[in-house]
Amino acid sequence: MNKRILVTAVIFGLVSIVLGAFAAHGLKKELSPESLESFNTGVRYQMYHAFLLLFLGAFKTVSSRFKKIIFHLTVLGVICFSFSIYLLSTSVITGINFKSIGFITPIGGLLLILAWSMLLLGFIKNKKIK
């Protein structure tokens, strides 16, 4: 499980760097400042959660059960939150109206909040941490 978590963390980090560079150099002239800021919010949150997964994969005192739950919540949360923001903020370029998927963004945010909450619970329940 740790290897899967770490590989996913690196993929999330790599993709966020690529998308951030793409936004800074390729989208800057194509999007409004508000849309660009939204896109960059998706990039930031994806990177934050890449760090969370790196931490989770390397941390030994979180139980495997909690790691699995946190991993799945984080992956689904990033996909729902960040990727829906990417689609919504670039709809001017793609010509596709993604507003119908706008409800997915807060669901992704909720999943990310649950992932962090599970990490907190995992720390609280761990008797090895003093």
C-alpha atoms as a PDB file:
ATOM      1  CA  MET A   1       0.000   0.000   0.000  1.00  0.00           C
ATOM      2  CA  ASN A   2       2.815   2.416   0.833  1.00  0.00           C
ATOM      3  CA  LYS A   3       4.303   2.068  -2.644  1.00  0.00           C
ATOM      4  CA  ARG A   4       0.914   2.804  -4.249  1.00  0.00           C
ATOM      5  CA  ILE A   5       0.474   5.841  -2.009  1.00  0.00           C
ATOM      6  CA  LEU A   6       3.964   7.161  -2.778  1.00  0.00           C
ATOM      7  CA  VAL A   7       3.647   6.594  -6.534  1.00  0.00           C
ATOM      8  CA  THR A   8       0.275   8.362  -6.560  1.00  0.00           C
ATOM      9  CA  ALA A   9       1.785  11.240  -4.565  1.00  0.00           C
ATOM     10  CA  VAL A  10       4.567  11.671  -7.102  1.00  0.00           C
ATOM     11  CA  ILE A  11       2.128  11.496 -10.027  1.00  0.00           C
ATOM     12  CA  PHE A  12      -0.108  14.133  -8.386  1.00  0.00           C
ATOM     13  CA  GLY A  13       2.933  16.336  -7.753  1.00  0.00           C
ATOM     14  CA  LEU A  14       4.280  15.900 -11.281  1.00  0.00           C
ATOM     15  CA  VAL A  15       0.921  16.633 -12.894  1.00  0.00           C
ATOM     16  CA  SER A  16       0.401  19.698 -10.709  1.00  0.00           C
ATOM     17  CA  ILE A  17       3.782  21.102 -11.770  1.00  0.00           C
ATOM     18  CA  VAL A  18       2.976  20.475 -15.440  1.00  0.00           C
ATOM     19  CA  LEU A  19      -0.490  22.029 -15.121  1.00  0.00           C
ATOM     20  CA  GLY A  20       0.865  24.986 -13.153  1.00  0.00           C
ATOM     21  CA  ALA A  21       3.467  25.667 -15.836  1.00  0.00           C
ATOM     22  CA  PHE A  22       0.818  25.238 -18.527  1.00  0.00           C
ATOM     23  CA  ALA A  23      -1.411  27.752 -16.748  1.00  0.00           C
ATOM     24  CA  ALA A  24       1.410  30.258 -16.325  1.00  0.00           C
ATOM     25  CA  HIS A  25       2.649  30.037 -19.912  1.00  0.00           C
ATOM     26  CA  GLY A  26      -0.155  28.639 -22.050  1.00  0.00           C
ATOM     27  CA  LEU A  27      -3.354  29.769 -20.419  1.00  0.00           C
ATOM     28  CA  LYS A  28      -2.388  33.227 -19.182  1.00  0.00           C
ATOM     29  CA  LYS A  29      -3.477  34.935 -22.414  1.00  0.00           C
ATOM     30  CA  GLU A  30      -6.461  32.637 -22.985  1.00  0.00           C
ATOM     31  CA  LEU A  31      -8.281  32.856 -19.665  1.00  0.00           C
ATOM     32  CA  SER A  32      -9.673  35.698 -17.615  1.00  0.00           C
ATOM     33  CA  PRO A  33      -7.767  36.469 -14.415  1.00  0.00           C
ATOM     34  CA  GLU A  34     -10.613  34.878 -12.406  1.00  0.00           C
ATOM     35  CA  SER A  35     -10.528  31.662 -14.442  1.00  0.00           C
ATOM     36  CA  LEU A  36      -6.743  31.520 -14.216  1.00  0.00           C
ATOM     37  CA  GLU A  37      -6.937  31.964 -10.442  1.00  0.00           C
ATOM     38  CA  SER A  38      -9.500  29.164 -10.237  1.00  0.00           C
ATOM     39  CA  PHE A  39      -7.279  26.896 -12.308  1.00  0.00           C
ATOM     40  CA  ASN A  40      -4.333  27.686 -10.029  1.00  0.00           C
ATOM     41  CA  THR A  41      -6.466  26.866  -6.981  1.00  0.00           C
ATOM     42  CA  GLY A  42      -6.941  23.383  -8.416  1.00  0.00           C
ATOM     43  CA  VAL A  43      -3.182  23.116  -8.976  1.00  0.00           C
ATOM     44  CA  ARG A  44      -2.397  24.243  -5.400  1.00  0.00           C
ATOM     45  CA  TYR A  45      -4.823  21.816  -3.804  1.00  0.00           C
ATOM     46  CA  GLN A  46      -3.536  18.974  -5.942  1.00  0.00           C
ATOM     47  CA  MET A  47       0.024  19.742  -4.813  1.00  0.00           C
ATOM     48  CA  TYR A  48      -1.002  20.061  -1.148  1.00  0.00           C
ATOM     49  CA  HIS A  49      -2.499  16.614  -1.345  1.00  0.00           C
ATOM     50  CA  ALA A  50       0.530  15.203  -3.147  1.00  0.00           C
ATOM     51  CA  PHE A  51       2.463  16.252  -0.035  1.00  0.00           C
ATOM     52  CA  LEU A  52      -0.194  14.672   2.190  1.00  0.00           C
ATOM     53  CA  LEU A  53       0.174  11.380   0.324  1.00  0.00           C
ATOM     54  CA  LEU A  54       3.991  11.544   0.505  1.00  0.00           C
ATOM     55  CA  PHE A  55       3.720  12.067   4.230  1.00  0.00           C
ATOM     56  CA  LEU A  56       1.146   9.286   4.576  1.00  0.00           C
ATOM     57  CA  GLY A  57       3.200   6.786   2.577  1.00  0.00           C
ATOM     58  CA  ALA A  58       6.346   7.487   4.569  1.00  0.00           C
ATOM     59  CA  PHE A  59       4.726   7.681   8.016  1.00  0.00           C
ATOM     60  CA  LYS A  60       4.893   4.369   9.892  1.00  0.00           C
ATOM     61  CA  THR A  61       2.578   5.076  12.817  1.00  0.00           C
ATOM     62  CA  VAL A  62      -0.649   5.388  10.810  1.00  0.00           C
ATOM     63  CA  SER A  63      -2.367   1.999  10.591  1.00  0.00           C
ATOM     64  CA  SER A  64      -2.806   0.296   7.225  1.00  0.00           C
ATOM     65  CA  ARG A  65      -6.571   0.556   7.606  1.00  0.00           C
ATOM     66  CA  PHE A  66      -6.440   4.312   8.079  1.00  0.00           C
ATOM     67  CA  LYS A  67      -3.878   4.691   5.272  1.00  0.00           C
ATOM     68  CA  LYS A  68      -6.157   2.901   2.844  1.00  0.00           C
ATOM     69  CA  ILE A  69      -9.158   5.047   3.771  1.00  0.00           C
ATOM     70  CA  ILE A  70      -7.159   8.287   3.652  1.00  0.00           C
ATOM     71  CA  PHE A  71      -5.599   7.312   0.328  1.00  0.00           C
ATOM     72  CA  HIS A  72      -8.950   6.624  -1.339  1.00  0.00           C
ATOM     73  CA  LEU A  73     -10.581   9.755   0.079  1.00  0.00           C
ATOM     74  CA  THR A  74      -7.630  11.872  -1.076  1.00  0.00           C
ATOM     75  CA  VAL A  75      -7.493  10.440  -4.599  1.00  0.00           C
ATOM     76  CA  LEU A  76     -11.242  10.812  -5.111  1.00  0.00           C
ATOM     77  CA  GLY A  77     -11.172  14.240  -3.508  1.00  0.00           C
ATOM     78  CA  VAL A  78      -8.411  15.530  -5.767  1.00  0.00           C
ATOM     79  CA  ILE A  79     -10.086  14.127  -8.859  1.00  0.00           C
ATOM     80  CA  CYS A  80     -13.450  15.646  -7.949  1.00  0.00           C
ATOM     81  CA  PHE A  81     -12.094  18.949  -6.627  1.00  0.00           C
ATOM     82  CA  SER A  82      -9.075  19.854  -8.737  1.00  0.00           C
ATOM     83  CA  PHE A  83     -10.066  18.227 -12.001  1.00  0.00           C
ATOM     84  CA  SER A  84     -13.559  19.693 -11.953  1.00  0.00           C
ATOM     85  CA  ILE A  85     -11.973  23.117 -11.414  1.00  0.00           C
ATOM     86  CA  TYR A  86      -9.649  22.516 -14.374  1.00  0.00           C
ATOM     87  CA  LEU A  87     -12.621  21.700 -16.592  1.00  0.00           C
ATOM     88  CA  LEU A  88     -14.816  24.520 -15.309  1.00  0.00           C
ATOM     89  CA  SER A  89     -12.115  27.190 -15.628  1.00  0.00           C
ATOM     90  CA  THR A  90     -11.122  26.190 -19.175  1.00  0.00           C
ATOM     91  CA  SER A  91     -14.633  25.910 -20.618  1.00  0.00           C
ATOM     92  CA  VAL A  92     -14.024  29.128 -22.602  1.00  0.00           C
ATOM     93  CA  ILE A  93     -11.170  27.421 -24.452  1.00  0.00           C
ATOM     94  CA  THR A  94     -12.772  24.018 -24.913  1.00  0.00           C
ATOM     95  CA  GLY A  95     -16.158  25.409 -25.872  1.00  0.00           C
ATOM     96  CA  ILE A  96     -17.761  22.826 -23.602  1.00  0.00           C
ATOM     97  CA  ASN A  97     -20.069  24.045 -20.869  1.00  0.00           C
ATOM     98  CA  PHE A  98     -18.998  22.089 -17.795  1.00  0.00           C
ATOM     99  CA  LYS A  99     -21.315  23.976 -15.409  1.00  0.00           C
ATOM    100  CA  SER A 100     -23.410  20.848 -15.016  1.00  0.00           C
ATOM    101  CA  ILE A 101     -20.496  19.205 -13.167  1.00  0.00           C
ATOM    102  CA  GLY A 102     -19.995  22.167 -10.843  1.00  0.00           C
ATOM    103  CA  PHE A 103     -21.609  20.252  -7.976  1.00  0.00           C
ATOM    104  CA  ILE A 104     -18.646  17.837  -8.023  1.00  0.00           C
ATOM    105  CA  THR A 105     -16.198  20.474  -6.773  1.00  0.00           C
ATOM    106  CA  PRO A 106     -17.645  20.794  -3.244  1.00  0.00           C
ATOM    107  CA  ILE A 107     -18.038  17.013  -3.038  1.00  0.00           C
ATOM    108  CA  GLY A 108     -14.310  16.763  -3.744  1.00  0.00           C
ATOM    109  CA  GLY A 109     -13.631  19.349  -1.068  1.00  0.00           C
ATOM    110  CA  LEU A 110     -15.697  17.347   1.411  1.00  0.00           C
ATOM    111  CA  LEU A 111     -13.744  14.183   0.552  1.00  0.00           C
ATOM    112  CA  LEU A 112     -10.481  16.030   1.193  1.00  0.00           C
ATOM    113  CA  ILE A 113     -11.789  17.301   4.537  1.00  0.00           C
ATOM    114  CA  LEU A 114     -12.742  13.725   5.422  1.00  0.00           C
ATOM    115  CA  ALA A 115      -9.253  12.502   4.472  1.00  0.00           C
ATOM    116  CA  TRP A 116      -7.636  15.014   6.835  1.00  0.00           C
ATOM    117  CA  SER A 117     -10.183  14.128   9.525  1.00  0.00           C
ATOM    118  CA  MET A 118      -9.326  10.454   9.169  1.00  0.00           C
ATOM    119  CA  LEU A 119      -5.631  11.291   9.533  1.00  0.00           C
ATOM    120  CA  LEU A 120      -6.436  13.180  12.734  1.00  0.00           C
ATOM    121  CA  LEU A 121      -8.484  10.239  14.012  1.00  0.00           C
ATOM    122  CA  GLY A 122      -5.650   7.869  13.113  1.00  0.00           C
ATOM    123  CA  PHE A 123      -3.234   9.956  15.193  1.00  0.00           C
ATOM    124  CA  ILE A 124      -5.647  10.172  18.121  1.00  0.00           C
ATOM    125  CA  LYS A 125      -6.308   6.418  18.133  1.00  0.00           C
ATOM    126  CA  ASN A 126      -2.627   5.483  17.795  1.00  0.00           C
ATOM    127  CA  LYS A 127      -1.355   4.470  21.219  1.00  0.00           C
ATOM    128  CA  LYS A 128       2.275   4.504  20.012  1.00  0.00           C
ATOM    129  CA  ILE A 129       2.251   8.289  19.604  1.00  0.00           C
ATOM    130  CA  LYS A 130       2.813  10.026  22.940  1.00  0.00           C
END
